Structures are given as C-alpha cells and as structure tokens.
PDB file of N, CA and C in Angstrom:
ATOM      1  N   UNK A   1       0.616  -1.320  -0.095  1.00  0.00           N
ATOM      2  CA  UNK A   1       0.027   0.095  -0.024  1.00  0.00           C
ATOM      3  C   UNK A   1       0.914   1.063  -0.227  1.00  0.00           C
ATOM      4  N   UNK A   2       0.607   2.350  -0.969  1.00  0.00           N
ATOM      5  CA  UNK A   2       1.245   3.323  -1.172  1.00  0.00           C
ATOM      6  C   UNK A   2       0.585   4.444  -0.418  1.00  0.00           C
ATOM      7  N   UNK A   3       0.867   5.448   0.436  1.00  0.00           N
ATOM      8  CA  UNK A   3       0.353   6.131   1.278  1.00  0.00           C
ATOM      9  C   UNK A   3       1.269   7.728   0.163  1.00  0.00           C
ATOM     10  N   UNK A   4      -0.197   8.548  -0.561  1.00  0.00           N
ATOM     11  CA  UNK A   4       0.454   9.603  -1.366  1.00  0.00           C
ATOM     12  C   UNK A   4      -0.477  10.717  -1.289  1.00  0.00           C
ATOM     13  N   UNK A   5      -0.165  12.181  -1.478  1.00  0.00           N
ATOM     14  CA  UNK A   5      -0.734  12.824  -1.724  1.00  0.00           C
ATOM     15  C   UNK A   5      -2.363  12.512  -2.094  1.00  0.00           C
ATOM     16  N   UNK A   6      -2.773  11.792  -3.351  1.00  0.00           N
ATOM     17  CA  UNK A   6      -3.710  11.500  -3.960  1.00  0.00           C
ATOM     18  C   UNK A   6      -4.445  10.359  -3.505  1.00  0.00           C
ATOM     19  N   UNK A   7      -3.845   9.857  -2.366  1.00  0.00           N
ATOM     20  CA  UNK A   7      -4.685   9.058  -1.763  1.00  0.00           C
ATOM     21  C   UNK A   7      -5.997   9.312  -0.659  1.00  0.00           C
ATOM     22  N   UNK A   8      -6.791   8.529  -0.632  1.00  0.00           N
ATOM     23  CA  UNK A   8      -8.027   9.128   0.631  1.00  0.00           C
ATOM     24  C   UNK A   8      -8.200   8.202   1.727  1.00  0.00           C
ATOM     25  N   UNK A   9      -6.798   7.806   2.360  1.00  0.00           N
ATOM     26  CA  UNK A   9      -6.699   7.006   3.408  1.00  0.00           C
ATOM     27  C   UNK A   9      -6.610   7.918   4.566  1.00  0.00           C
ATOM     28  N   UNK A  10      -7.368   7.469   5.720  1.00  0.00           N
ATOM     29  CA  UNK A  10      -7.735   8.261   6.952  1.00  0.00           C
ATOM     30  C   UNK A  10      -6.526   7.520   7.948  1.00  0.00           C
ATOM     31  N   UNK A  11      -6.086   8.182   9.090  1.00  0.00           N
ATOM     32  CA  UNK A  11      -5.467   7.479  10.062  1.00  0.00           C
ATOM     33  C   UNK A  11      -6.267   7.970  11.367  1.00  0.00           C
ATOM     34  N   UNK A  12      -6.472   6.702  11.943  1.00  0.00           N
ATOM     35  CA  UNK A  12      -7.950   6.969  13.167  1.00  0.00           C
ATOM     36  C   UNK A  12      -6.789   6.187  14.091  1.00  0.00           C
ATOM     37  N   UNK A  13      -7.174   6.807  15.459  1.00  0.00           N
ATOM     38  CA  UNK A  13      -6.803   5.948  16.664  1.00  0.00           C
ATOM     39  C   UNK A  13      -7.967   5.827  17.736  1.00  0.00           C
ATOM     40  N   UNK A  14      -7.844   4.499  18.093  1.00  0.00           N
ATOM     41  CA  UNK A  14      -9.725   4.211  18.642  1.00  0.00           C
ATOM     42  C   UNK A  14      -8.859   3.588  19.968  1.00  0.00           C
ATOM     43  N   UNK A  15     -10.224   3.744  20.937  1.00  0.00           N
ATOM     44  CA  UNK A  15      -9.842   3.090  21.909  1.00  0.00           C
ATOM     45  C   UNK A  15     -11.364   2.875  22.335  1.00  0.00           C
ATOM     46  N   UNK A  16     -11.995   1.775  23.565  1.00  0.00           N
ATOM     47  CA  UNK A  16     -12.802   1.384  23.929  1.00  0.00           C
ATOM     48  C   UNK A  16     -13.711   2.473  24.039  1.00  0.00           C
ATOM     49  N   UNK A  17     -13.253   3.756  24.568  1.00  0.00           N
ATOM     50  CA  UNK A  17     -14.153   4.791  25.151  1.00  0.00           C
ATOM     51  C   UNK A  17     -14.210   6.000  23.993  1.00  0.00           C
ATOM     52  N   UNK A  18     -13.233   6.045  23.449  1.00  0.00           N
ATOM     53  CA  UNK A  18     -12.783   7.605  22.738  1.00  0.00           C
ATOM     54  C   UNK A  18     -12.536   7.220  21.334  1.00  0.00           C
ATOM     55  N   UNK A  19     -13.282   7.727  20.546  1.00  0.00           N
ATOM     56  CA  UNK A  19     -12.613   7.877  19.258  1.00  0.00           C
ATOM     57  C   UNK A  19     -12.231   9.234  18.342  1.00  0.00           C
ATOM     58  N   UNK A  20     -11.058   9.476  17.992  1.00  0.00           N
ATOM     59  CA  UNK A  20     -10.934  11.050  17.868  1.00  0.00           C
ATOM     60  C   UNK A  20      -9.940  10.490  16.500  1.00  0.00           C
ATOM     61  N   UNK A  21     -10.174  11.558  15.749  1.00  0.00           N
ATOM     62  CA  UNK A  21      -9.432  11.614  14.416  1.00  0.00           C
ATOM     63  C   UNK A  21      -8.557  13.138  14.250  1.00  0.00           C
ATOM     64  N   UNK A  22      -7.410  13.193  13.853  1.00  0.00           N
ATOM     65  CA  UNK A  22      -6.416  14.177  13.644  1.00  0.00           C
ATOM     66  C   UNK A  22      -5.989  14.135  12.044  1.00  0.00           C
ATOM     67  N   UNK A  23      -5.908  15.256  11.717  1.00  0.00           N
ATOM     68  CA  UNK A  23      -5.371  15.430  10.290  1.00  0.00           C
ATOM     69  C   UNK A  23      -4.090  15.864  10.350  1.00  0.00           C
ATOM     70  N   UNK A  24      -3.153  14.788   9.971  1.00  0.00           N
ATOM     71  CA  UNK A  24      -1.633  14.902  10.038  1.00  0.00           C
ATOM     72  C   UNK A  24      -0.863  14.667   8.750  1.00  0.00           C
ATOM     73  N   UNK A  25       0.152  15.325   8.540  1.00  0.00           N
ATOM     74  CA  UNK A  25       1.419  14.834   7.433  1.00  0.00           C
ATOM     75  C   UNK A  25       1.973  13.353   7.169  1.00  0.00           C
ATOM     76  N   UNK A  26       2.039  12.875   6.543  1.00  0.00           N
ATOM     77  CA  UNK A  26       2.816  11.482   6.627  1.00  0.00           C
ATOM     78  C   UNK A  26       4.279  12.080   6.039  1.00  0.00           C
ATOM     79  N   UNK A  27       4.911  11.583   6.865  1.00  0.00           N
ATOM     80  CA  UNK A  27       6.664  11.656   6.937  1.00  0.00           C
ATOM     81  C   UNK A  27       7.631  10.586   6.606  1.00  0.00           C
ATOM     82  N   UNK A  28       8.460  11.041   5.936  1.00  0.00           N
ATOM     83  CA  UNK A  28       9.382   9.852   5.414  1.00  0.00           C
ATOM     84  C   UNK A  28      10.378   9.662   6.641  1.00  0.00           C
ATOM     85  N   UNK A  29      10.445   8.574   7.018  1.00  0.00           N
ATOM     86  CA  UNK A  29      10.938   8.358   8.111  1.00  0.00           C
ATOM     87  C   UNK A  29      11.977   6.933   7.588  1.00  0.00           C
ATOM     88  N   UNK A  30      13.423   7.360   7.386  1.00  0.00           N
ATOM     89  CA  UNK A  30      14.127   6.340   6.582  1.00  0.00           C
ATOM     90  C   UNK A  30      13.748   5.765   5.358  1.00  0.00           C
ATOM     91  N   UNK A  31      13.453   4.188   5.626  1.00  0.00           N
ATOM     92  CA  UNK A  31      12.951   3.304   4.298  1.00  0.00           C
ATOM     93  C   UNK A  31      11.121   3.239   4.776  1.00  0.00           C
ATOM     94  N   UNK A  32      10.681   3.667   5.332  1.00  0.00           N
ATOM     95  CA  UNK A  32       9.408   3.757   5.706  1.00  0.00           C
ATOM     96  C   UNK A  32       8.831   5.418   5.987  1.00  0.00           C
ATOM     97  N   UNK A  33       7.644   5.446   5.981  1.00  0.00           N
ATOM     98  CA  UNK A  33       6.565   6.907   6.425  1.00  0.00           C
ATOM     99  C   UNK A  33       5.887   6.634   7.787  1.00  0.00           C
ATOM    100  N   UNK A  34       5.928   7.765   8.585  1.00  0.00           N
ATOM    101  CA  UNK A  34       4.942   7.369  10.266  1.00  0.00           C
ATOM    102  C   UNK A  34       4.324   9.149   9.875  1.00  0.00           C
ATOM    103  N   UNK A  35       3.802   9.075  10.906  1.00  0.00           N
ATOM    104  CA  UNK A  35       2.754  10.331  11.289  1.00  0.00           C
ATOM    105  C   UNK A  35       3.519  11.100  12.980  1.00  0.00           C
ATOM    106  N   UNK A  36       3.283  12.128  13.168  1.00  0.00           N
ATOM    107  CA  UNK A  36       3.414  12.435  14.432  1.00  0.00           C
ATOM    108  C   UNK A  36       2.228  12.421  14.974  1.00  0.00           C
ATOM    109  N   UNK A  37       2.131  11.889  16.471  1.00  0.00           N
ATOM    110  CA  UNK A  37       0.446  11.795  17.014  1.00  0.00           C
ATOM    111  C   UNK A  37       0.900  12.670  18.341  1.00  0.00           C
ATOM    112  N   UNK A  38      -0.127  13.779  18.378  1.00  0.00           N
ATOM    113  CA  UNK A  38      -0.127  14.672  19.622  1.00  0.00           C
ATOM    114  C   UNK A  38      -0.061  13.788  20.955  1.00  0.00           C
ATOM    115  N   UNK A  39       0.785  14.214  21.794  1.00  0.00           N
ATOM    116  CA  UNK A  39       0.489  13.836  23.197  1.00  0.00           C
ATOM    117  C   UNK A  39      -0.827  13.787  23.680  1.00  0.00           C
ATOM    118  N   UNK A  40      -1.661  15.091  23.444  1.00  0.00           N
ATOM    119  CA  UNK A  40      -2.885  14.866  24.141  1.00  0.00           C
ATOM    120  C   UNK A  40      -3.821  14.212  23.416  1.00  0.00           C
ATOM    121  N   UNK A  41      -3.698  13.655  22.183  1.00  0.00           N
ATOM    122  CA  UNK A  41      -4.708  12.397  21.524  1.00  0.00           C
ATOM    123  C   UNK A  41      -3.982  11.361  22.012  1.00  0.00           C
ATOM    124  N   UNK A  42      -2.927  11.132  22.627  1.00  0.00           N
ATOM    125  CA  UNK A  42      -2.328   9.856  22.961  1.00  0.00           C
ATOM    126  C   UNK A  42      -3.009   9.399  24.479  1.00  0.00           C
ATOM    127  N   UNK A  43      -2.791  10.652  25.159  1.00  0.00           N
ATOM    128  CA  UNK A  43      -3.523  10.328  26.504  1.00  0.00           C
ATOM    129  C   UNK A  43      -5.131  10.347  26.298  1.00  0.00           C
ATOM    130  N   UNK A  44      -5.895  10.608  25.270  1.00  0.00           N
ATOM    131  CA  UNK A  44      -7.235  10.757  25.486  1.00  0.00           C
ATOM    132  C   UNK A  44      -7.350   9.260  25.226  1.00  0.00           C
ATOM    133  N   UNK A  45      -6.779   8.474  24.314  1.00  0.00           N
ATOM    134  CA  UNK A  45      -6.829   6.723  23.707  1.00  0.00           C
ATOM    135  C   UNK A  45      -6.186   6.207  25.167  1.00  0.00           C
ATOM    136  N   UNK A  46      -5.041   6.719  26.087  1.00  0.00           N
ATOM    137  CA  UNK A  46      -4.359   5.677  26.768  1.00  0.00           C
ATOM    138  C   UNK A  46      -3.549   5.042  26.221  1.00  0.00           C
ATOM    139  N   UNK A  47      -2.526   5.652  25.550  1.00  0.00           N
ATOM    140  CA  UNK A  47      -1.068   5.278  24.849  1.00  0.00           C
ATOM    141  C   UNK A  47      -0.434   5.853  25.231  1.00  0.00           C
ATOM    142  N   UNK A  48       0.651   5.859  25.529  1.00  0.00           N
ATOM    143  CA  UNK A  48       1.930   6.420  26.055  1.00  0.00           C
ATOM    144  C   UNK A  48       3.156   6.286  25.142  1.00  0.00           C
ATOM    145  N   UNK A  49       4.358   7.054  24.989  1.00  0.00           N
ATOM    146  CA  UNK A  49       5.364   6.587  24.325  1.00  0.00           C
ATOM    147  C   UNK A  49       5.862   5.286  24.465  1.00  0.00           C
ATOM    148  N   UNK A  50       6.004   4.311  23.659  1.00  0.00           N
ATOM    149  CA  UNK A  50       6.895   3.337  24.054  1.00  0.00           C
ATOM    150  C   UNK A  50       5.763   2.192  24.173  1.00  0.00           C
ATOM    151  N   UNK A  51       4.716   2.901  24.024  1.00  0.00           N
ATOM    152  CA  UNK A  51       3.413   1.613  24.393  1.00  0.00           C
ATOM    153  C   UNK A  51       3.341   0.783  22.723  1.00  0.00           C
ATOM    154  N   UNK A  52       3.017  -0.325  23.000  1.00  0.00           N
ATOM    155  CA  UNK A  52       2.447  -0.966  22.064  1.00  0.00           C
ATOM    156  C   UNK A  52       1.268  -0.919  21.309  1.00  0.00           C
ATOM    157  N   UNK A  53       0.980  -0.871  20.019  1.00  0.00           N
ATOM    158  CA  UNK A  53      -0.541  -0.688  19.623  1.00  0.00           C
ATOM    159  C   UNK A  53      -0.677  -1.774  18.386  1.00  0.00           C
ATOM    160  N   UNK A  54      -1.980  -1.976  18.487  1.00  0.00           N
ATOM    161  CA  UNK A  54      -2.242  -2.784  17.003  1.00  0.00           C
ATOM    162  C   UNK A  54      -2.405  -1.968  15.930  1.00  0.00           C
ATOM    163  N   UNK A  55      -2.352  -2.280  15.129  1.00  0.00           N
ATOM    164  CA  UNK A  55      -2.752  -1.548  13.468  1.00  0.00           C
ATOM    165  C   UNK A  55      -3.382  -2.386  12.513  1.00  0.00           C
ATOM    166  N   UNK A  56      -4.113  -1.868  12.086  1.00  0.00           N
ATOM    167  CA  UNK A  56      -5.384  -3.054  11.211  1.00  0.00           C
ATOM    168  C   UNK A  56      -5.430  -1.682  10.211  1.00  0.00           C
ATOM    169  N   UNK A  57      -6.057  -2.490   8.663  1.00  0.00           N
ATOM    170  CA  UNK A  57      -6.598  -1.669   7.888  1.00  0.00           C
ATOM    171  C   UNK A  57      -7.961  -1.874   7.703  1.00  0.00           C
ATOM    172  N   UNK A  58      -8.914  -0.987   8.000  1.00  0.00           N
ATOM    173  CA  UNK A  58     -10.339  -1.256   8.272  1.00  0.00           C
ATOM    174  C   UNK A  58     -11.341  -0.091   7.262  1.00  0.00           C
ATOM    175  N   UNK A  59     -11.890  -0.774   6.264  1.00  0.00           N
ATOM    176  CA  UNK A  59     -12.593   0.467   5.475  1.00  0.00           C
ATOM    177  C   UNK A  59     -11.814   1.433   4.942  1.00  0.00           C
ATOM    178  N   UNK A  60     -10.830   1.287   4.470  1.00  0.00           N
ATOM    179  CA  UNK A  60     -10.486   2.577   4.099  1.00  0.00           C
ATOM    180  C   UNK A  60      -9.310   3.423   5.040  1.00  0.00           C
ATOM    181  N   UNK A  61      -9.269   2.545   6.389  1.00  0.00           N
ATOM    182  CA  UNK A  61      -8.703   3.394   7.241  1.00  0.00           C
ATOM    183  C   UNK A  61      -7.478   2.679   7.822  1.00  0.00           C
ATOM    184  N   UNK A  62      -6.321   3.219   8.384  1.00  0.00           N
ATOM    185  CA  UNK A  62      -5.510   2.787   9.086  1.00  0.00           C
ATOM    186  C   UNK A  62      -6.002   2.792  10.835  1.00  0.00           C
ATOM    187  N   UNK A  63      -6.076   1.752  11.011  1.00  0.00           N
ATOM    188  CA  UNK A  63      -6.373   1.806  12.512  1.00  0.00           C
ATOM    189  C   UNK A  63      -5.512   1.466  13.743  1.00  0.00           C
ATOM    190  N   UNK A  64      -5.176   2.359  14.780  1.00  0.00           N
ATOM    191  CA  UNK A  64      -3.961   1.981  15.806  1.00  0.00           C
ATOM    192  C   UNK A  64      -4.974   2.175  17.138  1.00  0.00           C
ATOM    193  N   UNK A  65      -4.623   0.921  17.597  1.00  0.00           N
ATOM    194  CA  UNK A  65      -5.445   0.491  18.964  1.00  0.00           C
ATOM    195  C   UNK A  65      -4.615   0.415  19.759  1.00  0.00           C
ATOM    196  N   UNK A  66      -4.797   0.442  21.381  1.00  0.00           N
ATOM    197  CA  UNK A  66      -4.133   0.095  22.237  1.00  0.00           C
ATOM    198  C   UNK A  66      -4.130  -1.580  22.162  1.00  0.00           C
ATOM    199  N   UNK A  67      -2.772  -2.042  22.035  1.00  0.00           N
ATOM    200  CA  UNK A  67      -2.880  -3.832  22.300  1.00  0.00           C
ATOM    201  C   UNK A  67      -3.213  -4.214  23.528  1.00  0.00           C
ATOM    202  N   UNK A  68      -3.600  -5.235  23.655  1.00  0.00           N
ATOM    203  CA  UNK A  68      -4.328  -5.987  24.669  1.00  0.00           C
ATOM    204  C   UNK A  68      -3.377  -6.622  25.269  1.00  0.00           C
ATOM    205  N   UNK A  69      -3.330  -6.341  26.572  1.00  0.00           N
ATOM    206  CA  UNK A  69      -2.123  -7.205  27.461  1.00  0.00           C
ATOM    207  C   UNK A  69      -2.720  -8.396  27.936  1.00  0.00           C
ATOM    208  N   UNK A  70      -2.215  -9.318  27.699  1.00  0.00           N
ATOM    209  CA  UNK A  70      -2.901 -10.801  28.440  1.00  0.00           C
ATOM    210  C   UNK A  70      -2.261 -10.796  29.960  1.00  0.00           C
ATOM    211  N   UNK A  71      -3.384 -10.772  30.705  1.00  0.00           N
ATOM    212  CA  UNK A  71      -3.100 -11.057  32.325  1.00  0.00           C
ATOM    213  C   UNK A  71      -2.642 -12.299  32.772  1.00  0.00           C
ATOM    214  N   UNK A  72      -1.779 -11.808  33.238  1.00  0.00           N
ATOM    215  CA  UNK A  72      -0.299 -12.706  34.025  1.00  0.00           C
ATOM    216  C   UNK A  72       0.582 -13.395  32.799  1.00  0.00           C
ATOM    217  N   UNK A  73       0.500 -12.535  31.961  1.00  0.00           N
ATOM    218  CA  UNK A  73       1.339 -12.764  30.814  1.00  0.00           C
ATOM    219  C   UNK A  73       2.760 -13.178  31.637  1.00  0.00           C
ATOM    220  N   UNK A  74       3.663 -14.093  31.124  1.00  0.00           N
ATOM    221  CA  UNK A  74       4.710 -14.115  31.628  1.00  0.00           C
ATOM    222  C   UNK A  74       4.867 -14.685  32.950  1.00  0.00           C
ATOM    223  N   UNK A  75       3.932 -14.894  33.637  1.00  0.00           N
ATOM    224  CA  UNK A  75       4.047 -15.486  35.273  1.00  0.00           C
ATOM    225  C   UNK A  75       4.540 -16.768  35.241  1.00  0.00           C
ATOM    226  N   UNK A  76       4.262 -17.601  34.526  1.00  0.00           N
ATOM    227  CA  UNK A  76       4.426 -18.926  34.301  1.00  0.00           C
ATOM    228  C   UNK A  76       5.981 -19.159  34.324  1.00  0.00           C
ATOM    229  N   UNK A  77       6.787 -18.147  33.323  1.00  0.00           N
ATOM    230  CA  UNK A  77       8.097 -18.713  33.641  1.00  0.00           C
ATOM    231  C   UNK A  77       8.816 -17.903  34.619  1.00  0.00           C
ATOM    232  N   UNK A  78       8.448 -16.671  34.875  1.00  0.00           N
ATOM    233  CA  UNK A  78       9.042 -16.068  36.221  1.00  0.00           C
ATOM    234  C   UNK A  78       8.962 -16.880  37.260  1.00  0.00           C
ATOM    235  N   UNK A  79       7.628 -17.575  37.435  1.00  0.00           N
ATOM    236  CA  UNK A  79       7.387 -18.806  38.516  1.00  0.00           C
ATOM    237  C   UNK A  79       8.700 -19.638  38.444  1.00  0.00           C
ATOM    238  N   UNK A  80       8.802 -20.491  37.383  1.00  0.00           N
ATOM    239  CA  UNK A  80       9.407 -21.140  36.703  1.00  0.00           C
ATOM    240  C   UNK A  80      11.204 -21.009  37.169  1.00  0.00           C
ATOM    241  N   UNK A  81      11.374 -19.706  37.001  1.00  0.00           N
ATOM    242  CA  UNK A  81      12.600 -19.333  37.234  1.00  0.00           C
ATOM    243  C   UNK A  81      13.064 -19.125  38.689  1.00  0.00           C
ATOM    244  N   UNK A  82      11.688 -18.501  39.505  1.00  0.00           N
ATOM    245  CA  UNK A  82      12.352 -18.330  40.777  1.00  0.00           C
ATOM    246  C   UNK A  82      12.334 -19.939  41.413  1.00  0.00           C
ATOM    247  N   UNK A  83      11.097 -20.993  41.023  1.00  0.00           N
ATOM    248  CA  UNK A  83      11.901 -22.022  41.665  1.00  0.00           C
ATOM    249  C   UNK A  83      12.820 -22.839  41.169  1.00  0.00           C
ATOM    250  N   UNK A  84      13.775 -22.734  40.123  1.00  0.00           N
ATOM    251  CA  UNK A  84      14.703 -23.091  39.758  1.00  0.00           C
ATOM    252  C   UNK A  84      16.062 -22.620  40.797  1.00  0.00           C
ATOM    253  N   UNK A  85      15.802 -21.055  40.891  1.00  0.00           N
ATOM    254  CA  UNK A  85      16.738 -20.655  41.451  1.00  0.00           C
ATOM    255  C   UNK A  85      16.826 -21.012  43.261  1.00  0.00           C
ATOM    256  N   UNK A  86      15.632 -21.422  43.689  1.00  0.00           N
ATOM    257  CA  UNK A  86      15.065 -21.915  44.921  1.00  0.00           C
ATOM    258  C   UNK A  86      14.942 -20.431  45.918  1.00  0.00           C
ATOM    259  N   UNK A  87      14.364 -19.509  44.869  1.00  0.00           N
ATOM    260  CA  UNK A  87      14.099 -18.357  45.825  1.00  0.00           C
ATOM    261  C   UNK A  87      12.051 -18.513  46.073  1.00  0.00           C
ATOM    262  N   UNK A  88      12.019 -19.572  46.112  1.00  0.00           N
ATOM    263  CA  UNK A  88      10.436 -19.522  46.084  1.00  0.00           C
ATOM    264  C   UNK A  88       9.881 -19.902  47.432  1.00  0.00           C
ATOM    265  N   UNK A  89      10.484 -19.851  48.592  1.00  0.00           N
ATOM    266  CA  UNK A  89      10.302 -20.129  49.880  1.00  0.00           C
ATOM    267  C   UNK A  89       8.780 -19.085  50.263  1.00  0.00           C
ATOM    268  N   UNK A  90       8.257 -19.521  51.347  1.00  0.00           N
ATOM    269  CA  UNK A  90       7.105 -18.732  51.458  1.00  0.00           C
ATOM    270  C   UNK A  90       7.410 -17.786  52.600  1.00  0.00           C
ATOM    271  N   UNK A  91       6.738 -16.454  52.269  1.00  0.00           N
ATOM    272  CA  UNK A  91       7.126 -15.657  53.006  1.00  0.00           C
ATOM    273  C   UNK A  91       6.639 -15.191  54.122  1.00  0.00           C
ATOM    274  N   UNK A  92       5.489 -15.938  54.706  1.00  0.00           N
ATOM    275  CA  UNK A  92       4.649 -16.137  55.632  1.00  0.00           C
ATOM    276  C   UNK A  92       4.222 -17.507  55.782  1.00  0.00           C
ATOM    277  N   UNK A  93       4.352 -17.865  57.285  1.00  0.00           N
ATOM    278  CA  UNK A  93       4.439 -19.677  57.504  1.00  0.00           C
ATOM    279  C   UNK A  93       2.717 -20.063  57.211  1.00  0.00           C
ATOM    280  N   UNK A  94       2.413 -21.079  56.915  1.00  0.00           N
ATOM    281  CA  UNK A  94       1.059 -21.781  56.864  1.00  0.00           C
ATOM    282  C   UNK A  94       0.165 -21.440  57.336  1.00  0.00           C
ATOM    283  N   UNK A  95      -0.777 -21.065  57.039  1.00  0.00           N
ATOM    284  CA  UNK A  95      -1.937 -20.880  58.145  1.00  0.00           C
ATOM    285  C   UNK A  95      -2.874 -22.257  57.905  1.00  0.00           C
ATOM    286  N   UNK A  96      -3.337 -22.704  59.088  1.00  0.00           N
ATOM    287  CA  UNK A  96      -4.057 -23.811  59.256  1.00  0.00           C
ATOM    288  C   UNK A  96      -4.991 -23.586  60.327  1.00  0.00           C
ATOM    289  N   UNK A  97      -5.691 -24.710  60.390  1.00  0.00           N
ATOM    290  CA  UNK A  97      -6.595 -24.564  61.325  1.00  0.00           C
ATOM    291  C   UNK A  97      -6.463 -25.661  62.602  1.00  0.00           C
ATOM    292  N   UNK A  98      -6.989 -25.746  63.768  1.00  0.00           N
ATOM    293  CA  UNK A  98      -6.700 -26.747  64.898  1.00  0.00           C
ATOM    294  C   UNK A  98      -7.234 -28.088  64.319  1.00  0.00           C
ATOM    295  N   UNK A  99      -8.583 -27.913  63.543  1.00  0.00           N
ATOM    296  CA  UNK A  99      -8.971 -28.944  62.989  1.00  0.00           C
ATOM    297  C   UNK A  99      -8.736 -29.776  62.062  1.00  0.00           C
ATOM    298  N   UNK A 100      -7.640 -29.054  61.153  1.00  0.00           N
ATOM    299  CA  UNK A 100      -7.314 -29.701  60.129  1.00  0.00           C
ATOM    300  C   UNK A 100      -6.895 -31.165  59.997  1.00  0.00           C
ATOM    301  N   UNK A 101      -6.148 -31.392  61.051  1.00  0.00           N
ATOM    302  CA  UNK A 101      -5.925 -32.577  61.430  1.00  0.00           C
ATOM    303  C   UNK A 101      -6.809 -33.812  61.206  1.00  0.00           C
ATOM    304  N   UNK A 102      -8.342 -33.698  61.727  1.00  0.00           N
ATOM    305  CA  UNK A 102      -8.919 -34.590  61.947  1.00  0.00           C
ATOM    306  C   UNK A 102     -10.126 -34.243  60.337  1.00  0.00           C
ATOM    307  N   UNK A 103      -9.658 -33.298  59.784  1.00  0.00           N
ATOM    308  CA  UNK A 103     -10.708 -33.117  58.557  1.00  0.00           C
ATOM    309  C   UNK A 103     -10.652 -34.393  57.407  1.00  0.00           C
ATOM    310  N   UNK A 104     -11.542 -34.366  56.891  1.00  0.00           N
ATOM    311  CA  UNK A 104     -11.859 -35.658  56.018  1.00  0.00           C
ATOM    312  C   UNK A 104     -11.908 -34.833  54.583  1.00  0.00           C
ATOM    313  N   UNK A 105     -11.319 -35.426  53.416  1.00  0.00           N
ATOM    314  CA  UNK A 105     -11.622 -34.749  52.147  1.00  0.00           C
ATOM    315  C   UNK A 105     -12.548 -35.754  51.461  1.00  0.00           C
TER     316      UNK A 105
END
C-alpha cells in the first residue's frame, strides 16, 4: 500500500471509549513513512510513548488501537525461574486450622 497525496486513506486512533481523528502529514522516516501523534491525543486514547499498539486496515482506514495485554502474561516463566533459583520459599508461614488434622476430604 502506498500513501501519497492522491490517496484517500485516513489514520484513526481508537480505544473502547474514545474515538478521535486528527489530520496529520505523512512523513518519510528512513525507508518507511510515519506520522507524529500529538501527546494529548495519545493521552485521550490511553497510549503513551513506547506502548505497543495494534495496527489494522479497516474500511479504507489505518486504525491504531492500544494492544491488549494478557493478564498474568509471563507469570509461568517467572515462577519457573524462581523455583529453579531456589528463591520460592513462603514469606509467611502456612496458616492452618486446629481441626485440619481431623478433617476428611
């Protein structure tokens, strides 16, 4: 896809609660092209510098949306590394009940 003066492509930044469009110039950045997104617009959408965004092409528009972060992403690997290093001891002693010895499952 080529974005030039004669094209009719729009660049739209969206989030689940805000939709905003700003007219900006497409600039050459090395062998690629890019746009400068105003800080105030990024803040409205909930994106900051160095955040990851998803870019799609929908109905003649380039759409940037905040990347969805997976809950607990990387926790499994971190737990494995803690166990391998021997640094996975309990910080608090086990809490038990006086009746635990006689409890039947």
